[in-house]
Amino acid sequence: MTKYLGIHETLEVHELLAFKNLCLTKSVTMSGLAQDDGLKSILSKDVETGKQHIQQLENFLTTQEEHHE
């Protein structure tokens, strides 16, 4: 694996990050509105997974930015 991302790859990672943030926002909002316990459980798991994915993407971008300096 190469150390650096191309500009188009960096933009794609930013798009993924924006999408994951949107998904997280929707899951948090819907979990507050959900009445079914099974659905609340699914949404809660999705929130936790979404937070992990966002953290991984942010770490990936931060690591890439440090390599460019």
C-alpha atoms as a PDB file:
ATOM      1  CA  MET A   1       0.000   0.000   0.000  1.00  0.00           C
ATOM      2  CA  THR A   2       1.256   3.460  -0.828  1.00  0.00           C
ATOM      3  CA  LYS A   3       1.775   6.124   1.812  1.00  0.00           C
ATOM      4  CA  TYR A   4      -0.113   8.886   0.034  1.00  0.00           C
ATOM      5  CA  LEU A   5      -3.571   9.328  -1.429  1.00  0.00           C
ATOM      6  CA  GLY A   6      -4.255  11.094  -4.688  1.00  0.00           C
ATOM      7  CA  ILE A   7      -6.494  14.140  -4.647  1.00  0.00           C
ATOM      8  CA  HIS A   8      -9.449  12.165  -6.048  1.00  0.00           C
ATOM      9  CA  GLU A   9      -8.958   9.473  -3.395  1.00  0.00           C
ATOM     10  CA  THR A  10      -8.856  12.063  -0.627  1.00  0.00           C
ATOM     11  CA  LEU A  11     -12.086  13.577  -1.941  1.00  0.00           C
ATOM     12  CA  GLU A  12     -13.718  10.147  -2.023  1.00  0.00           C
ATOM     13  CA  VAL A  13     -12.742   9.511   1.604  1.00  0.00           C
ATOM     14  CA  HIS A  14     -14.228  12.907   2.501  1.00  0.00           C
ATOM     15  CA  GLU A  15     -17.435  11.894   0.693  1.00  0.00           C
ATOM     16  CA  LEU A  16     -17.538   8.646   2.674  1.00  0.00           C
ATOM     17  CA  LEU A  17     -17.022  10.598   5.881  1.00  0.00           C
ATOM     18  CA  ALA A  18     -19.877  12.973   5.031  1.00  0.00           C
ATOM     19  CA  PHE A  19     -22.134  10.013   4.181  1.00  0.00           C
ATOM     20  CA  LYS A  20     -21.286   8.198   7.418  1.00  0.00           C
ATOM     21  CA  ASN A  21     -21.998  11.371   9.412  1.00  0.00           C
ATOM     22  CA  LEU A  22     -25.385  11.658   7.714  1.00  0.00           C
ATOM     23  CA  CYS A  23     -26.158   7.996   8.457  1.00  0.00           C
ATOM     24  CA  LEU A  24     -25.141   8.462  12.093  1.00  0.00           C
ATOM     25  CA  THR A  25     -27.359  11.531  12.441  1.00  0.00           C
ATOM     26  CA  LYS A  26     -30.305   9.670  10.942  1.00  0.00           C
ATOM     27  CA  SER A  27     -29.810   6.617  13.190  1.00  0.00           C
ATOM     28  CA  VAL A  28     -29.566   8.775  16.327  1.00  0.00           C
ATOM     29  CA  THR A  29     -32.696  10.706  15.350  1.00  0.00           C
ATOM     30  CA  MET A  30     -34.690   7.616  14.443  1.00  0.00           C
ATOM     31  CA  SER A  31     -33.674   5.751  17.599  1.00  0.00           C
ATOM     32  CA  GLY A  32     -35.321   8.512  19.608  1.00  0.00           C
ATOM     33  CA  LEU A  33     -38.515   8.110  17.605  1.00  0.00           C
ATOM     34  CA  ALA A  34     -38.596   4.297  17.418  1.00  0.00           C
ATOM     35  CA  GLN A  35     -41.047   2.499  19.649  1.00  0.00           C
ATOM     36  CA  ASP A  36     -40.128  -1.108  18.861  1.00  0.00           C
ATOM     37  CA  ASP A  37     -37.396  -2.481  21.143  1.00  0.00           C
ATOM     38  CA  GLY A  38     -35.909  -4.610  18.357  1.00  0.00           C
ATOM     39  CA  LEU A  39     -35.631  -1.594  16.077  1.00  0.00           C
ATOM     40  CA  LYS A  40     -34.117   0.489  18.880  1.00  0.00           C
ATOM     41  CA  SER A  41     -31.517  -2.218  19.400  1.00  0.00           C
ATOM     42  CA  ILE A  42     -30.630  -2.290  15.683  1.00  0.00           C
ATOM     43  CA  LEU A  43     -30.364   1.500  15.574  1.00  0.00           C
ATOM     44  CA  SER A  44     -28.241   1.549  18.731  1.00  0.00           C
ATOM     45  CA  LYS A  45     -25.814  -0.962  17.209  1.00  0.00           C
ATOM     46  CA  ASP A  46     -25.766   1.092  14.008  1.00  0.00           C
ATOM     47  CA  VAL A  47     -24.886   4.217  16.014  1.00  0.00           C
ATOM     48  CA  GLU A  48     -21.956   2.488  17.692  1.00  0.00           C
ATOM     49  CA  THR A  49     -20.710   1.022  14.414  1.00  0.00           C
ATOM     50  CA  GLY A  50     -21.136   4.366  12.662  1.00  0.00           C
ATOM     51  CA  LYS A  51     -19.064   6.134  15.328  1.00  0.00           C
ATOM     52  CA  GLN A  52     -16.287   3.579  14.894  1.00  0.00           C
ATOM     53  CA  HIS A  53     -16.322   3.966  11.102  1.00  0.00           C
ATOM     54  CA  ILE A  54     -16.194   7.755  11.372  1.00  0.00           C
ATOM     55  CA  GLN A  55     -13.269   7.544  13.790  1.00  0.00           C
ATOM     56  CA  GLN A  56     -11.412   5.190  11.447  1.00  0.00           C
ATOM     57  CA  LEU A  57     -11.968   7.469   8.453  1.00  0.00           C
ATOM     58  CA  GLU A  58     -10.875  10.525  10.443  1.00  0.00           C
ATOM     59  CA  ASN A  59      -7.745   8.700  11.633  1.00  0.00           C
ATOM     60  CA  PHE A  60      -7.004   7.623   8.090  1.00  0.00           C
ATOM     61  CA  LEU A  61      -7.286  11.188   6.777  1.00  0.00           C
ATOM     62  CA  THR A  62      -5.251  12.594   9.669  1.00  0.00           C
ATOM     63  CA  THR A  63      -2.506  10.032   9.086  1.00  0.00           C
ATOM     64  CA  GLN A  64      -2.440  10.865   5.389  1.00  0.00           C
ATOM     65  CA  GLU A  65      -2.220  14.604   6.118  1.00  0.00           C
ATOM     66  CA  GLU A  66       0.709  14.047   8.502  1.00  0.00           C
ATOM     67  CA  HIS A  67       2.594  12.178   5.743  1.00  0.00           C
ATOM     68  CA  HIS A  68       2.203  15.151   3.394  1.00  0.00           C
ATOM     69  CA  GLU A  69       3.753  17.660   5.811  1.00  0.00           C
END
